[in-house]
N, C-alpha and C. Protein backbone atom coordinates (compact mmCIF):
# COMPACT_ATOMS: atom_id res chain seq x y z
N MET A 1 -122.39 142.72 116.00
CA MET A 1 -122.26 141.70 116.96
C MET A 1 -122.82 140.90 116.76
N LYS A 2 -121.93 139.36 117.13
CA LYS A 2 -122.28 137.97 117.35
C LYS A 2 -121.95 137.63 118.74
N ILE A 3 -122.94 136.88 119.04
CA ILE A 3 -123.21 135.97 120.49
C ILE A 3 -123.08 134.69 120.36
N LYS A 4 -121.91 134.07 120.50
CA LYS A 4 -122.01 132.50 120.32
C LYS A 4 -122.43 131.93 121.48
N ILE A 5 -122.88 131.00 121.41
CA ILE A 5 -123.24 129.99 122.58
C ILE A 5 -123.37 128.66 122.31
N GLU A 6 -122.70 128.03 123.10
CA GLU A 6 -122.30 126.61 122.80
C GLU A 6 -122.81 125.63 123.98
N LEU A 7 -123.58 124.92 123.69
CA LEU A 7 -124.31 123.87 125.04
C LEU A 7 -123.32 122.59 124.33
N PRO A 8 -123.35 121.77 126.18
CA PRO A 8 -122.99 120.37 125.54
C PRO A 8 -123.98 119.61 124.26
N SER A 9 -123.63 118.68 123.78
CA SER A 9 -123.99 117.80 122.77
C SER A 9 -124.87 116.65 123.79
N TYR A 10 -125.76 115.98 123.34
CA TYR A 10 -126.54 115.30 124.27
C TYR A 10 -125.65 113.79 124.43
N GLU A 11 -124.53 113.21 123.49
CA GLU A 11 -123.85 112.74 124.14
C GLU A 11 -123.07 112.99 125.35
N GLU A 12 -123.03 114.15 125.43
CA GLU A 12 -122.14 114.44 126.75
C GLU A 12 -123.18 114.47 128.15
N PHE A 13 -124.38 114.37 127.95
CA PHE A 13 -125.19 114.22 128.72
C PHE A 13 -124.89 112.45 129.68
N GLU A 14 -125.87 112.72 131.29
CA GLU A 14 -125.74 111.39 131.65
C GLU A 14 -126.70 110.35 131.20
N LYS A 15 -126.12 109.22 130.60
CA LYS A 15 -127.54 107.97 129.80
C LYS A 15 -128.11 107.73 130.81
N VAL A 16 -129.23 107.90 131.26
CA VAL A 16 -130.18 107.06 132.31
C VAL A 16 -131.08 106.36 131.62
N PHE A 17 -130.72 104.95 132.10
CA PHE A 17 -131.70 103.94 131.58
C PHE A 17 -132.83 103.82 132.47
N ILE A 18 -134.09 103.72 131.47
CA ILE A 18 -135.53 104.27 132.32
C ILE A 18 -136.39 102.82 132.50
N LYS A 19 -135.75 101.84 131.65
CA LYS A 19 -136.61 100.44 131.32
C LYS A 19 -135.43 99.22 131.16
N LEU A 20 -135.71 98.43 131.65
CA LEU A 20 -135.21 97.30 131.65
C LEU A 20 -135.15 96.37 130.41
N ASP A 21 -134.03 95.61 130.20
CA ASP A 21 -134.14 94.79 128.71
C ASP A 21 -135.17 93.85 128.72
N LYS A 22 -135.33 93.13 130.24
CA LYS A 22 -136.09 91.97 130.36
C LYS A 22 -136.89 92.40 131.61
N PRO A 23 -137.99 91.69 131.82
CA PRO A 23 -138.61 92.27 132.95
C PRO A 23 -137.74 91.20 134.28
N ARG A 24 -137.78 91.60 135.75
CA ARG A 24 -137.28 91.17 136.77
C ARG A 24 -138.28 91.10 137.70
N VAL A 25 -138.17 89.57 138.65
CA VAL A 25 -138.69 89.61 139.66
C VAL A 25 -137.91 90.29 140.66
N VAL A 26 -139.04 91.17 141.29
CA VAL A 26 -138.38 91.92 142.75
C VAL A 26 -137.85 91.12 143.85
N GLU A 27 -136.70 91.32 144.27
CA GLU A 27 -135.77 90.76 145.32
C GLU A 27 -135.65 91.78 146.34
N TYR A 28 -135.69 91.50 147.72
CA TYR A 28 -135.83 92.01 148.83
C TYR A 28 -134.31 91.94 149.37
N LYS A 29 -133.68 92.91 150.28
CA LYS A 29 -132.43 92.59 150.66
C LYS A 29 -132.11 91.16 151.50
N ASP A 30 -133.06 90.90 152.29
CA ASP A 30 -132.89 89.77 152.89
C ASP A 30 -132.97 88.73 152.11
N GLY A 31 -133.48 88.61 151.22
CA GLY A 31 -133.06 87.67 150.10
C GLY A 31 -134.32 87.18 149.36
N ARG A 32 -135.33 87.70 150.16
CA ARG A 32 -136.89 87.19 149.50
C ARG A 32 -137.31 87.80 148.44
N LYS A 33 -138.00 86.87 147.40
CA LYS A 33 -138.53 87.29 146.38
C LYS A 33 -139.75 87.55 146.22
N SER A 34 -140.35 88.71 145.44
CA SER A 34 -142.03 88.54 145.31
C SER A 34 -142.21 88.15 144.36
N ASN A 35 -143.63 87.47 144.06
CA ASN A 35 -144.52 86.60 143.56
C ASN A 35 -143.95 87.02 142.37
N PRO A 36 -143.20 85.65 141.84
CA PRO A 36 -142.66 85.34 140.29
C PRO A 36 -143.63 85.75 139.38
N ASN A 37 -144.85 85.89 139.58
CA ASN A 37 -145.91 86.47 138.27
C ASN A 37 -145.99 87.98 138.43
N VAL A 38 -145.22 88.46 139.30
CA VAL A 38 -145.12 90.08 139.63
C VAL A 38 -143.85 90.35 139.19
N THR A 39 -143.66 91.35 137.78
CA THR A 39 -142.51 91.64 137.85
C THR A 39 -142.36 93.54 137.31
N THR A 40 -141.20 93.72 137.21
CA THR A 40 -141.03 95.06 137.17
C THR A 40 -139.88 95.15 135.65
N HIS A 41 -140.52 96.42 135.37
CA HIS A 41 -139.51 96.79 133.83
C HIS A 41 -138.35 98.08 134.52
N THR A 42 -138.71 98.76 135.55
CA THR A 42 -138.10 99.73 135.90
C THR A 42 -136.73 99.22 136.80
N PRO A 43 -135.86 100.21 136.10
CA PRO A 43 -134.28 99.99 136.83
C PRO A 43 -134.52 100.18 138.10
N LEU A 44 -134.19 99.76 138.93
CA LEU A 44 -133.99 100.24 140.71
C LEU A 44 -133.15 101.46 140.73
N LYS A 45 -131.79 101.87 140.11
CA LYS A 45 -131.43 103.08 140.04
C LYS A 45 -132.21 104.35 139.54
N LEU A 46 -133.54 103.72 138.82
CA LEU A 46 -134.12 105.39 138.35
C LEU A 46 -134.85 106.68 140.18
N ILE A 47 -134.92 105.43 140.93
CA ILE A 47 -135.21 106.15 142.15
C ILE A 47 -134.66 107.26 142.55
N ASN A 48 -133.36 107.00 142.15
CA ASN A 48 -132.19 107.99 142.41
C ASN A 48 -132.33 109.52 141.79
N TYR A 49 -133.58 109.27 140.83
CA TYR A 49 -133.63 110.64 140.14
C TYR A 49 -135.04 111.60 140.40
N LYS A 50 -135.19 110.85 141.52
CA LYS A 50 -136.69 111.58 142.07
C LYS A 50 -136.29 113.04 142.62
N GLU A 51 -136.98 114.18 141.77
CA GLU A 51 -136.63 115.48 141.84
C GLU A 51 -135.55 115.77 141.59
N LYS A 52 -134.59 115.48 140.93
CA LYS A 52 -133.63 115.78 139.97
C LYS A 52 -134.16 116.79 138.75
N LYS A 53 -133.66 118.23 138.88
CA LYS A 53 -134.44 118.80 137.86
C LYS A 53 -133.05 118.82 136.56
N GLY A 54 -133.77 119.10 135.30
CA GLY A 54 -132.64 119.33 134.45
C GLY A 54 -133.71 119.09 133.00
N VAL A 55 -132.51 118.96 132.12
CA VAL A 55 -133.43 118.84 130.55
C VAL A 55 -132.91 117.32 130.18
N TYR A 56 -134.01 117.20 129.48
CA TYR A 56 -133.70 115.67 128.97
C TYR A 56 -134.07 115.46 127.26
N ILE A 57 -133.05 114.70 126.71
CA ILE A 57 -133.41 114.12 125.56
C ILE A 57 -133.93 112.90 124.97
N ILE A 58 -134.56 112.88 124.33
CA ILE A 58 -135.39 111.23 123.86
C ILE A 58 -134.98 111.02 122.64
N LEU A 59 -134.10 109.87 122.30
CA LEU A 59 -133.80 109.06 120.92
C LEU A 59 -135.22 108.54 120.36
N LYS A 60 -135.57 108.18 118.97
CA LYS A 60 -136.02 107.16 118.62
C LYS A 60 -135.45 107.05 117.13
N ASP A 61 -134.83 105.62 117.28
CA ASP A 61 -134.44 105.36 115.88
C ASP A 61 -133.08 105.93 115.71
N GLY A 62 -132.10 106.40 116.79
CA GLY A 62 -130.85 107.29 116.57
C GLY A 62 -131.34 108.55 116.57
N LYS A 63 -132.53 109.37 116.22
CA LYS A 63 -132.55 110.79 115.80
C LYS A 63 -133.22 111.35 117.02
N VAL A 64 -133.20 112.14 117.93
CA VAL A 64 -133.78 113.06 118.65
C VAL A 64 -135.30 113.06 118.39
N GLY A 65 -136.10 112.58 119.07
CA GLY A 65 -137.43 112.69 118.85
C GLY A 65 -138.26 113.55 119.81
N TYR A 66 -137.50 113.86 120.75
CA TYR A 66 -138.25 114.58 122.10
C TYR A 66 -137.14 115.44 123.04
N VAL A 67 -137.36 116.98 123.00
CA VAL A 67 -136.24 117.37 124.17
C VAL A 67 -137.58 118.17 125.39
N GLY A 68 -137.24 118.11 126.58
CA GLY A 68 -137.98 118.52 127.57
C GLY A 68 -137.27 119.03 128.89
N ALA A 69 -137.99 119.35 129.58
CA ALA A 69 -137.32 120.00 130.96
C ALA A 69 -138.06 119.52 132.07
N THR A 70 -137.49 119.40 133.42
CA THR A 70 -138.52 118.74 134.39
C THR A 70 -137.97 119.06 135.50
N THR A 71 -138.95 118.89 136.46
CA THR A 71 -137.81 119.22 137.94
C THR A 71 -138.13 117.91 138.94
N ASN A 72 -138.82 116.87 138.18
CA ASN A 72 -138.69 115.82 138.60
C ASN A 72 -138.56 114.58 137.75
N LEU A 73 -137.25 114.17 137.36
CA LEU A 73 -137.27 113.33 136.13
C LEU A 73 -137.67 111.73 136.50
N PHE A 74 -137.70 111.41 137.53
CA PHE A 74 -138.16 110.29 137.86
C PHE A 74 -139.76 109.95 137.64
N SER A 75 -140.59 111.25 138.03
CA SER A 75 -141.97 111.55 138.12
C SER A 75 -142.34 111.43 136.59
N ARG A 76 -141.69 112.28 136.12
CA ARG A 76 -141.79 113.18 134.68
C ARG A 76 -141.62 111.48 133.75
N ILE A 77 -140.71 110.94 133.88
CA ILE A 77 -140.41 109.28 132.95
C ILE A 77 -141.49 108.24 133.24
N GLY A 78 -142.23 108.47 134.37
CA GLY A 78 -143.43 107.54 134.16
C GLY A 78 -144.70 108.07 133.89
N THR A 79 -144.73 109.04 133.65
CA THR A 79 -145.97 109.93 132.80
C THR A 79 -145.79 110.57 131.53
N HIS A 80 -144.85 110.06 130.92
CA HIS A 80 -144.20 110.72 129.62
C HIS A 80 -145.31 110.04 128.44
N LYS A 81 -145.67 110.91 128.04
CA LYS A 81 -146.56 110.63 126.77
C LYS A 81 -146.22 110.16 125.47
N TYR A 82 -144.69 110.51 125.21
CA TYR A 82 -143.84 110.04 124.33
C TYR A 82 -143.41 108.89 124.77
N LEU A 83 -142.94 108.43 126.16
CA LEU A 83 -142.54 107.25 126.32
C LEU A 83 -143.42 106.13 126.32
N ILE A 84 -144.31 106.35 126.47
CA ILE A 84 -145.56 105.27 126.54
C ILE A 84 -145.76 104.58 125.27
N LYS A 85 -145.92 106.06 124.39
CA LYS A 85 -146.18 105.98 122.98
C LYS A 85 -145.10 104.91 122.40
N ASN A 86 -144.02 105.12 122.46
CA ASN A 86 -142.68 104.40 122.43
C ASN A 86 -141.75 103.19 123.22
N GLN A 87 -142.87 102.58 123.64
CA GLN A 87 -142.31 101.41 124.33
C GLN A 87 -140.64 101.00 124.44
N GLU A 88 -140.38 101.06 123.44
CA GLU A 88 -138.94 100.39 123.14
C GLU A 88 -137.99 101.31 123.61
N ILE A 89 -138.31 102.40 123.94
CA ILE A 89 -136.88 103.26 124.17
C ILE A 89 -136.75 102.62 125.61
N LYS A 90 -135.25 102.62 125.91
CA LYS A 90 -134.85 101.79 127.13
C LYS A 90 -133.87 103.00 127.91
N TYR A 91 -133.72 104.13 127.21
CA TYR A 91 -132.76 105.04 127.90
C TYR A 91 -133.01 106.64 127.47
N ILE A 92 -132.72 107.33 128.31
CA ILE A 92 -132.74 108.97 127.73
C ILE A 92 -131.38 109.38 127.99
N TYR A 93 -131.48 110.62 127.51
CA TYR A 93 -129.88 111.22 127.98
C TYR A 93 -130.76 112.59 129.14
N PHE A 94 -130.05 112.79 129.92
CA PHE A 94 -130.03 114.11 130.83
C PHE A 94 -129.18 114.94 131.60
N LEU A 95 -129.35 116.06 131.63
CA LEU A 95 -128.20 117.01 131.67
C LEU A 95 -129.20 117.76 133.38
N GLU A 96 -128.33 117.62 134.23
CA GLU A 96 -128.72 118.13 135.54
C GLU A 96 -128.64 119.48 135.64
N LEU A 97 -129.90 120.60 135.81
CA LEU A 97 -129.46 121.66 136.09
C LEU A 97 -130.66 122.46 137.01
N LYS A 98 -130.33 122.77 137.96
CA LYS A 98 -131.09 123.39 139.07
C LYS A 98 -131.47 124.32 138.86
N GLU A 99 -130.74 125.27 138.50
CA GLU A 99 -131.65 127.03 138.34
C GLU A 99 -132.72 126.57 137.21
N LYS A 100 -133.78 127.22 137.57
CA LYS A 100 -134.94 127.37 136.73
C LYS A 100 -134.80 128.36 135.30
N VAL A 101 -134.14 129.17 135.23
CA VAL A 101 -133.94 130.01 134.39
C VAL A 101 -133.10 129.45 133.24
N LYS A 102 -132.09 128.43 133.37
CA LYS A 102 -131.23 127.74 132.63
C LYS A 102 -131.81 127.08 132.29
N ARG A 103 -132.62 125.79 133.13
CA ARG A 103 -133.39 124.93 132.36
C ARG A 103 -134.31 125.40 131.29
N TYR A 104 -134.92 126.41 131.43
CA TYR A 104 -135.66 127.16 130.31
C TYR A 104 -135.28 127.43 128.86
N PHE A 105 -133.84 128.00 129.31
CA PHE A 105 -133.36 128.32 128.10
C PHE A 105 -132.63 127.14 127.37
N TYR A 106 -132.28 126.24 128.11
CA TYR A 106 -131.77 125.21 127.77
C TYR A 106 -132.48 124.13 126.65
N GLU A 107 -133.79 124.19 127.35
CA GLU A 107 -134.88 123.71 126.30
C GLU A 107 -135.07 124.23 125.32
N ILE A 108 -135.46 125.54 125.61
CA ILE A 108 -135.26 126.37 124.02
C ILE A 108 -134.62 126.25 123.20
N PHE A 109 -133.15 126.38 123.19
CA PHE A 109 -131.82 126.66 122.33
C PHE A 109 -131.89 125.08 121.98
N TYR A 110 -132.36 123.78 122.87
CA TYR A 110 -132.14 122.58 122.02
C TYR A 110 -133.41 122.24 121.20
N LYS A 111 -134.29 122.30 121.66
CA LYS A 111 -135.55 122.48 120.64
C LYS A 111 -135.40 123.17 119.37
N TYR A 112 -134.81 124.35 119.26
CA TYR A 112 -134.64 125.17 117.92
C TYR A 112 -133.23 124.05 117.40
N TYR A 113 -132.65 123.84 117.97
CA TYR A 113 -131.40 123.39 117.14
C TYR A 113 -131.87 122.09 116.75
N TYR A 114 -132.48 120.87 117.61
CA TYR A 114 -133.21 119.73 116.83
C TYR A 114 -134.54 119.81 115.93
N PHE A 115 -135.38 121.01 116.26
CA PHE A 115 -136.28 120.84 115.68
C PHE A 115 -136.68 121.96 114.74
N GLY A 116 -135.96 122.98 114.78
CA GLY A 116 -135.91 124.47 114.14
C GLY A 116 -137.22 125.16 114.56
N LYS A 117 -137.73 124.92 115.63
CA LYS A 117 -138.95 125.38 116.20
C LYS A 117 -138.71 125.51 117.60
N VAL A 118 -139.80 126.28 118.45
CA VAL A 118 -139.65 126.61 119.79
C VAL A 118 -141.19 126.61 120.30
N SER A 119 -141.31 125.42 120.87
CA SER A 119 -142.79 125.15 121.56
C SER A 119 -142.45 124.90 123.15
N PRO A 120 -141.88 125.85 124.27
CA PRO A 120 -141.40 124.98 125.59
C PRO A 120 -142.76 124.68 126.10
N GLU A 121 -142.49 123.74 127.01
CA GLU A 121 -143.40 123.10 127.98
C GLU A 121 -143.59 124.50 128.86
N TYR A 122 -144.68 124.18 130.03
CA TYR A 122 -144.65 125.45 130.74
C TYR A 122 -143.31 125.69 131.33
N PHE A 123 -143.06 126.75 131.97
CA PHE A 123 -141.98 127.54 132.61
C PHE A 123 -141.46 126.82 134.04
N HIS A 124 -140.71 125.90 133.91
CA HIS A 124 -140.10 124.62 135.07
C HIS A 124 -139.78 125.44 136.27
C-alpha cells in the first residue's frame, strides 16, 4: 500500500516582506515624523503577523535555506538566528496553519523534502 501526500510548494505560500529595501523615517498618522536620524527597516504590515501560526520557508540565493514552524511569526522573525546571520534576506514564505499537529507534520515533511533529514524544532 502506498500513501500519497501532496503539500503546496513554497511558491504557493504567502510572500511576507520582513525587511524594507531601504530604511525609512517613521511617520505618524497626524503627519509628524520621528527624528530623521532614527530609521526602521521593518515593514509596517509585519505587525499583522503577530500570533499567526504556521510554517515558514526562508530562501537564500534562490535555494531553500531554512524551514521552520512558529506560533507567532512576528516574534519569531525578530529573533531568528538565520535571518540575523543573513541580513540580505528581505522576505520569507509563510503558510498559516492553526492546528498544532498539522504545523508539526508540515515542518517535518518540508524539512525532509528540502534537506533529506528531519530535526524538528520543539513541538509548537
